[in-house]
N, C-alpha and C. Protein backbone atom coordinates (compact mmCIF):
# COMPACT_ATOMS: atom_id res chain seq x y z
N MET A 1 122.30 88.87 95.93
CA MET A 1 121.26 89.83 96.24
C MET A 1 121.53 90.45 97.62
N ILE A 2 121.43 91.74 97.71
CA ILE A 2 121.66 92.44 98.96
C ILE A 2 120.36 92.55 99.73
N LYS A 3 120.40 92.08 100.98
CA LYS A 3 119.21 92.15 101.82
C LYS A 3 119.18 93.46 102.58
N LYS A 4 117.99 93.96 102.85
CA LYS A 4 117.83 95.20 103.59
C LYS A 4 117.59 94.95 105.07
N VAL A 5 117.40 93.69 105.44
CA VAL A 5 117.19 93.34 106.84
C VAL A 5 118.22 92.30 107.27
N ILE A 6 118.46 92.22 108.58
CA ILE A 6 119.38 91.23 109.13
C ILE A 6 118.64 90.39 110.16
N SER A 7 119.25 89.29 110.54
CA SER A 7 118.62 88.40 111.52
C SER A 7 118.99 88.81 112.94
N VAL A 8 118.24 88.30 113.88
CA VAL A 8 118.52 88.53 115.30
C VAL A 8 119.90 87.96 115.63
N ALA A 9 120.23 86.81 115.08
CA ALA A 9 121.53 86.18 115.34
C ALA A 9 122.68 87.05 114.83
N GLN A 10 122.52 87.67 113.68
CA GLN A 10 123.57 88.54 113.14
C GLN A 10 123.75 89.77 114.02
N MET A 11 122.65 90.37 114.47
CA MET A 11 122.75 91.53 115.35
C MET A 11 123.40 91.14 116.67
N SER A 12 123.06 89.97 117.17
CA SER A 12 123.63 89.46 118.41
C SER A 12 125.14 89.27 118.28
N THR A 13 125.58 88.75 117.15
CA THR A 13 127.00 88.54 116.90
C THR A 13 127.76 89.85 116.89
N VAL A 14 127.22 90.85 116.22
CA VAL A 14 127.88 92.15 116.13
C VAL A 14 127.99 92.81 117.50
N LEU A 15 126.92 92.79 118.28
CA LEU A 15 126.92 93.45 119.58
C LEU A 15 127.55 92.61 120.68
N GLY A 16 127.66 91.30 120.47
CA GLY A 16 128.26 90.43 121.47
C GLY A 16 127.36 90.18 122.67
N VAL A 17 126.06 90.15 122.46
CA VAL A 17 125.11 89.86 123.53
C VAL A 17 124.24 88.68 123.11
N SER A 18 123.44 88.18 124.05
CA SER A 18 122.64 86.99 123.77
C SER A 18 121.47 87.28 122.83
N LEU A 19 120.97 86.22 122.22
CA LEU A 19 119.81 86.34 121.35
C LEU A 19 118.59 86.84 122.13
N THR A 20 118.45 86.36 123.35
CA THR A 20 117.32 86.78 124.19
C THR A 20 117.37 88.27 124.47
N ALA A 21 118.56 88.79 124.74
CA ALA A 21 118.70 90.22 125.02
C ALA A 21 118.29 91.05 123.80
N ILE A 22 118.67 90.60 122.62
CA ILE A 22 118.29 91.31 121.40
C ILE A 22 116.78 91.25 121.20
N ARG A 23 116.21 90.05 121.33
CA ARG A 23 114.76 89.90 121.13
C ARG A 23 113.96 90.76 122.10
N GLU A 24 114.34 90.74 123.37
CA GLU A 24 113.61 91.53 124.37
C GLU A 24 113.81 93.02 124.15
N GLY A 25 115.02 93.42 123.74
CA GLY A 25 115.27 94.83 123.45
C GLY A 25 114.42 95.33 122.30
N ILE A 26 114.29 94.52 121.27
CA ILE A 26 113.45 94.89 120.13
C ILE A 26 111.99 94.94 120.55
N ALA A 27 111.54 93.94 121.30
CA ALA A 27 110.14 93.88 121.73
C ALA A 27 109.77 95.05 122.63
N ARG A 28 110.74 95.58 123.36
CA ARG A 28 110.49 96.71 124.27
C ARG A 28 110.88 98.06 123.67
N ASP A 29 111.05 98.10 122.35
CA ASP A 29 111.34 99.34 121.60
C ASP A 29 112.63 100.02 122.03
N ARG A 30 113.66 99.25 122.34
CA ARG A 30 114.95 99.83 122.71
C ARG A 30 115.78 100.22 121.47
N PHE A 31 115.43 99.64 120.33
CA PHE A 31 116.15 99.90 119.09
C PHE A 31 115.20 100.54 118.09
N PRO A 32 115.44 101.80 117.71
CA PRO A 32 114.52 102.50 116.81
C PRO A 32 114.49 101.95 115.38
N PHE A 33 115.46 101.15 115.00
CA PHE A 33 115.56 100.63 113.64
C PHE A 33 114.98 99.22 113.50
N ALA A 34 114.39 98.69 114.57
CA ALA A 34 113.86 97.33 114.54
C ALA A 34 112.49 97.28 115.20
N TYR A 35 111.70 96.28 114.80
CA TYR A 35 110.40 96.10 115.44
C TYR A 35 110.04 94.62 115.49
N ALA A 36 109.10 94.32 116.37
CA ALA A 36 108.62 92.95 116.54
C ALA A 36 107.11 92.96 116.50
N TRP A 37 106.54 91.83 116.07
CA TRP A 37 105.09 91.70 116.13
C TRP A 37 104.75 90.26 116.43
N GLN A 38 103.56 90.09 116.96
CA GLN A 38 103.06 88.76 117.32
C GLN A 38 101.70 88.58 116.68
N SER A 39 101.54 87.51 115.94
CA SER A 39 100.25 87.23 115.30
C SER A 39 99.23 86.82 116.36
N PRO A 40 97.99 87.23 116.18
CA PRO A 40 96.95 86.86 117.14
C PRO A 40 96.83 85.33 117.26
N GLY A 41 96.77 84.87 118.49
CA GLY A 41 96.64 83.44 118.74
C GLY A 41 97.93 82.65 118.67
N LYS A 42 99.05 83.31 118.42
CA LYS A 42 100.34 82.63 118.32
C LYS A 42 101.22 83.04 119.50
N LYS A 43 102.14 82.16 119.88
CA LYS A 43 103.07 82.48 120.96
C LYS A 43 104.35 83.14 120.42
N SER A 44 104.74 82.78 119.22
CA SER A 44 106.01 83.26 118.68
C SER A 44 105.90 84.70 118.17
N ARG A 45 107.05 85.37 118.15
CA ARG A 45 107.14 86.73 117.63
C ARG A 45 108.02 86.73 116.38
N SER A 46 107.81 87.71 115.54
CA SER A 46 108.65 87.92 114.36
C SER A 46 109.38 89.24 114.52
N PHE A 47 110.61 89.30 114.04
CA PHE A 47 111.44 90.49 114.21
C PHE A 47 111.93 90.98 112.86
N VAL A 48 111.98 92.29 112.69
CA VAL A 48 112.53 92.92 111.49
C VAL A 48 113.58 93.92 111.96
N ILE A 49 114.81 93.77 111.45
CA ILE A 49 115.91 94.65 111.82
C ILE A 49 116.46 95.26 110.54
N ASP A 50 116.38 96.58 110.41
CA ASP A 50 116.87 97.30 109.24
C ASP A 50 118.40 97.37 109.29
N LYS A 51 119.05 96.88 108.24
CA LYS A 51 120.51 96.82 108.20
C LYS A 51 121.15 98.21 108.26
N GLU A 52 120.69 99.13 107.43
CA GLU A 52 121.29 100.46 107.40
C GLU A 52 120.97 101.24 108.68
N GLY A 53 119.79 101.03 109.23
CA GLY A 53 119.45 101.65 110.51
C GLY A 53 120.35 101.16 111.62
N PHE A 54 120.68 99.88 111.61
CA PHE A 54 121.59 99.30 112.60
C PHE A 54 122.98 99.88 112.44
N ARG A 55 123.44 100.00 111.20
CA ARG A 55 124.77 100.59 110.93
C ARG A 55 124.83 102.03 111.44
N THR A 56 123.79 102.81 111.16
CA THR A 56 123.73 104.20 111.61
C THR A 56 123.72 104.27 113.13
N PHE A 57 122.97 103.38 113.77
CA PHE A 57 122.91 103.32 115.23
C PHE A 57 124.30 103.06 115.83
N LEU A 58 125.04 102.12 115.25
CA LEU A 58 126.37 101.80 115.77
C LEU A 58 127.33 102.98 115.64
N VAL A 59 127.27 103.66 114.51
CA VAL A 59 128.20 104.77 114.26
C VAL A 59 127.82 106.01 115.07
N HIS A 60 126.56 106.41 115.03
CA HIS A 60 126.16 107.67 115.64
C HIS A 60 125.79 107.57 117.12
N SER A 61 125.07 106.53 117.50
CA SER A 61 124.63 106.41 118.89
C SER A 61 125.68 105.78 119.78
N LEU A 62 126.38 104.77 119.27
CA LEU A 62 127.38 104.08 120.09
C LEU A 62 128.80 104.56 119.83
N GLY A 63 128.99 105.36 118.78
CA GLY A 63 130.30 105.94 118.51
C GLY A 63 131.32 104.98 117.92
N TRP A 64 130.88 103.93 117.26
CA TRP A 64 131.80 102.98 116.65
C TRP A 64 132.40 103.60 115.39
N ASP A 65 133.65 103.25 115.09
CA ASP A 65 134.30 103.68 113.86
C ASP A 65 133.72 102.89 112.69
N VAL A 66 133.64 103.52 111.53
CA VAL A 66 133.06 102.88 110.35
C VAL A 66 133.83 101.61 109.97
N LYS A 67 135.15 101.63 110.11
CA LYS A 67 135.96 100.45 109.77
C LYS A 67 135.66 99.29 110.71
N VAL A 68 135.43 99.60 111.98
CA VAL A 68 135.08 98.56 112.96
C VAL A 68 133.71 97.97 112.62
N VAL A 69 132.76 98.83 112.27
CA VAL A 69 131.42 98.36 111.91
C VAL A 69 131.51 97.45 110.69
N ASP A 70 132.27 97.85 109.68
CA ASP A 70 132.41 97.03 108.47
C ASP A 70 133.03 95.67 108.80
N ALA A 71 134.05 95.65 109.66
CA ALA A 71 134.69 94.39 110.04
C ALA A 71 133.73 93.49 110.81
N GLU A 72 132.97 94.07 111.73
CA GLU A 72 132.00 93.29 112.50
C GLU A 72 130.88 92.75 111.61
N PHE A 73 130.43 93.56 110.67
CA PHE A 73 129.39 93.10 109.74
C PHE A 73 129.92 91.93 108.91
N LYS A 74 131.16 92.03 108.46
CA LYS A 74 131.74 90.96 107.65
C LYS A 74 131.85 89.67 108.46
N SER A 75 132.29 89.78 109.72
CA SER A 75 132.43 88.58 110.56
C SER A 75 131.09 87.95 110.90
N ALA A 76 130.02 88.77 110.91
CA ALA A 76 128.68 88.25 111.20
C ALA A 76 127.96 87.76 109.94
N GLY A 77 128.60 87.92 108.79
CA GLY A 77 128.00 87.46 107.54
C GLY A 77 126.95 88.41 106.99
N ILE A 78 127.06 89.68 107.33
CA ILE A 78 126.12 90.69 106.82
C ILE A 78 126.75 91.33 105.59
N HIS A 79 126.07 91.25 104.46
CA HIS A 79 126.62 91.79 103.20
C HIS A 79 125.89 93.03 102.78
């Protein structure tokens, strides 16, 4: 089954930055293809990262080649 979302760890692996950097970037609206929310009365946050939005961001905003994106996705376990 093909998933439409990816995990914070997978995004972190592709970009080569820490999990905390990804979480804080999402929470502060740095990535237009992802969002975070916090349930009332809870400390933890939940994150949703759109896979195709992330791919588009890498190609168009960061200028990555499509072959590089595909290789990075494969190494991060994104199908």
